[in-house]
Amino acid sequence: MSQTSSNSRKKSPLRKAPIVVIAAFLLLWLIGGATGEPGRVLEQAVQVCLSCIGIG
């Protein structure tokens, strides 16, 4: 009985791919924020919205 309970409690190895992907996302997110991309995206979104309703 103790053998089956020890087999079911084996720890799975740490997967590295999700950690690498999350780290890459955070790095690119920080670089984009530092270069002013959020403001540029918002500015372009406003222009598209204004042109869609016929104001701009």
N, C-alpha and C. Protein backbone atom coordinates (compact mmCIF):
# COMPACT_ATOMS: atom_id res chain seq x y z
N MET A 1 0.82 -1.19 0.00
CA MET A 1 0.00 0.00 0.00
C MET A 1 0.86 1.26 0.00
N SER A 2 1.94 1.28 0.71
CA SER A 2 2.79 2.47 0.74
C SER A 2 3.48 2.71 -0.59
N GLN A 3 3.68 1.64 -1.36
CA GLN A 3 4.35 1.79 -2.65
C GLN A 3 3.44 2.53 -3.64
N THR A 4 2.16 2.26 -3.65
CA THR A 4 1.26 2.95 -4.58
C THR A 4 1.08 4.41 -4.19
N SER A 5 1.07 4.70 -2.91
CA SER A 5 0.91 6.08 -2.51
C SER A 5 2.18 6.89 -2.80
N SER A 6 3.34 6.27 -2.75
CA SER A 6 4.57 7.00 -3.07
C SER A 6 4.70 7.24 -4.57
N ASN A 7 4.16 6.32 -5.39
CA ASN A 7 4.21 6.51 -6.83
C ASN A 7 3.29 7.65 -7.27
N SER A 8 2.18 7.82 -6.61
CA SER A 8 1.25 8.87 -7.01
C SER A 8 1.69 10.25 -6.54
N ARG A 9 2.66 10.32 -5.65
CA ARG A 9 3.12 11.61 -5.13
C ARG A 9 4.45 12.07 -5.73
N LYS A 10 4.87 11.47 -6.84
CA LYS A 10 6.12 11.90 -7.47
C LYS A 10 5.94 13.31 -8.02
N LYS A 11 6.94 14.11 -7.82
CA LYS A 11 6.89 15.48 -8.33
C LYS A 11 7.27 15.49 -9.80
N SER A 12 6.53 16.26 -10.58
CA SER A 12 6.87 16.39 -11.99
C SER A 12 8.03 17.36 -12.13
N PRO A 13 8.86 17.17 -13.14
CA PRO A 13 10.00 18.08 -13.31
C PRO A 13 9.52 19.48 -13.68
N LEU A 14 10.29 20.48 -13.29
CA LEU A 14 9.96 21.87 -13.57
C LEU A 14 10.08 22.13 -15.07
N ARG A 15 9.01 22.63 -15.65
CA ARG A 15 9.03 22.93 -17.08
C ARG A 15 9.62 24.32 -17.28
N LYS A 16 10.59 24.42 -18.16
CA LYS A 16 11.31 25.68 -18.35
C LYS A 16 10.71 26.54 -19.45
N ALA A 17 10.04 25.95 -20.41
CA ALA A 17 9.51 26.72 -21.54
C ALA A 17 8.52 27.80 -21.11
N PRO A 18 7.54 27.52 -20.24
CA PRO A 18 6.63 28.61 -19.83
C PRO A 18 7.34 29.74 -19.10
N ILE A 19 8.35 29.42 -18.33
CA ILE A 19 9.10 30.44 -17.61
C ILE A 19 9.86 31.33 -18.59
N VAL A 20 10.45 30.72 -19.61
CA VAL A 20 11.19 31.48 -20.62
C VAL A 20 10.25 32.38 -21.40
N VAL A 21 9.08 31.86 -21.76
CA VAL A 21 8.11 32.66 -22.53
C VAL A 21 7.62 33.84 -21.70
N ILE A 22 7.31 33.61 -20.44
CA ILE A 22 6.84 34.70 -19.58
C ILE A 22 7.93 35.74 -19.38
N ALA A 23 9.18 35.30 -19.20
CA ALA A 23 10.29 36.23 -19.03
C ALA A 23 10.50 37.07 -20.29
N ALA A 24 10.38 36.44 -21.46
CA ALA A 24 10.54 37.18 -22.72
C ALA A 24 9.41 38.19 -22.88
N PHE A 25 8.18 37.80 -22.53
CA PHE A 25 7.05 38.72 -22.61
C PHE A 25 7.27 39.92 -21.71
N LEU A 26 7.69 39.69 -20.48
CA LEU A 26 7.90 40.79 -19.55
C LEU A 26 9.01 41.73 -20.03
N LEU A 27 10.07 41.17 -20.59
CA LEU A 27 11.16 41.99 -21.11
C LEU A 27 10.68 42.87 -22.25
N LEU A 28 9.94 42.29 -23.20
CA LEU A 28 9.44 43.07 -24.33
C LEU A 28 8.42 44.11 -23.88
N TRP A 29 7.62 43.76 -22.88
CA TRP A 29 6.62 44.69 -22.35
C TRP A 29 7.31 45.90 -21.71
N LEU A 30 8.36 45.65 -20.96
CA LEU A 30 9.10 46.75 -20.33
C LEU A 30 9.80 47.62 -21.36
N ILE A 31 10.36 47.02 -22.38
CA ILE A 31 11.02 47.79 -23.44
C ILE A 31 10.00 48.65 -24.17
N GLY A 32 8.84 48.09 -24.49
CA GLY A 32 7.80 48.85 -25.17
C GLY A 32 7.31 50.02 -24.32
N GLY A 33 7.14 49.78 -23.04
CA GLY A 33 6.71 50.85 -22.14
C GLY A 33 7.73 51.95 -22.01
N ALA A 34 9.00 51.58 -22.02
CA ALA A 34 10.07 52.56 -21.88
C ALA A 34 10.24 53.41 -23.14
N THR A 35 9.86 52.88 -24.29
CA THR A 35 10.03 53.63 -25.54
C THR A 35 8.80 54.43 -25.93
N GLY A 36 7.76 54.40 -25.10
CA GLY A 36 6.58 55.22 -25.36
C GLY A 36 5.55 54.60 -26.28
N GLU A 37 5.58 53.31 -26.46
CA GLU A 37 4.62 52.66 -27.34
C GLU A 37 3.17 52.78 -26.88
N PRO A 38 2.87 52.70 -25.57
CA PRO A 38 1.46 52.82 -25.18
C PRO A 38 0.82 54.14 -25.62
N GLY A 39 1.56 55.23 -25.51
CA GLY A 39 1.04 56.52 -25.95
C GLY A 39 0.81 56.57 -27.45
N ARG A 40 1.72 55.97 -28.20
CA ARG A 40 1.59 55.96 -29.66
C ARG A 40 0.39 55.12 -30.09
N VAL A 41 0.21 53.99 -29.44
CA VAL A 41 -0.93 53.12 -29.77
C VAL A 41 -2.24 53.83 -29.45
N LEU A 42 -2.30 54.50 -28.31
CA LEU A 42 -3.51 55.23 -27.95
C LEU A 42 -3.78 56.37 -28.93
N GLU A 43 -2.75 57.06 -29.34
CA GLU A 43 -2.90 58.15 -30.30
C GLU A 43 -3.44 57.64 -31.63
N GLN A 44 -2.93 56.52 -32.10
CA GLN A 44 -3.42 55.94 -33.35
C GLN A 44 -4.85 55.44 -33.21
N ALA A 45 -5.19 54.89 -32.04
CA ALA A 45 -6.55 54.40 -31.82
C ALA A 45 -7.54 55.55 -31.85
N VAL A 46 -7.17 56.68 -31.27
CA VAL A 46 -8.04 57.85 -31.29
C VAL A 46 -8.25 58.33 -32.72
N GLN A 47 -7.19 58.36 -33.50
CA GLN A 47 -7.30 58.79 -34.90
C GLN A 47 -8.21 57.86 -35.69
N VAL A 48 -8.09 56.56 -35.49
CA VAL A 48 -8.93 55.61 -36.21
C VAL A 48 -10.39 55.78 -35.79
N CYS A 49 -10.63 55.93 -34.50
CA CYS A 49 -12.01 56.10 -34.02
C CYS A 49 -12.63 57.38 -34.56
N LEU A 50 -11.86 58.47 -34.55
CA LEU A 50 -12.41 59.74 -35.04
C LEU A 50 -12.69 59.67 -36.54
N SER A 51 -11.85 58.99 -37.28
CA SER A 51 -12.09 58.88 -38.72
C SER A 51 -13.26 57.94 -39.02
N CYS A 52 -13.50 56.97 -38.15
CA CYS A 52 -14.63 56.06 -38.36
C CYS A 52 -15.96 56.76 -38.17
N ILE A 53 -16.04 57.69 -37.22
CA ILE A 53 -17.30 58.40 -37.00
C ILE A 53 -17.37 59.65 -37.87
N GLY A 54 -16.34 59.94 -38.63
CA GLY A 54 -16.40 61.04 -39.57
C GLY A 54 -16.03 62.39 -39.00
N ILE A 55 -15.39 62.42 -37.84
CA ILE A 55 -15.00 63.71 -37.26
C ILE A 55 -13.60 64.10 -37.73
N GLY A 56 -12.71 63.13 -37.77
CA GLY A 56 -11.33 63.47 -38.07
C GLY A 56 -10.98 63.07 -39.42
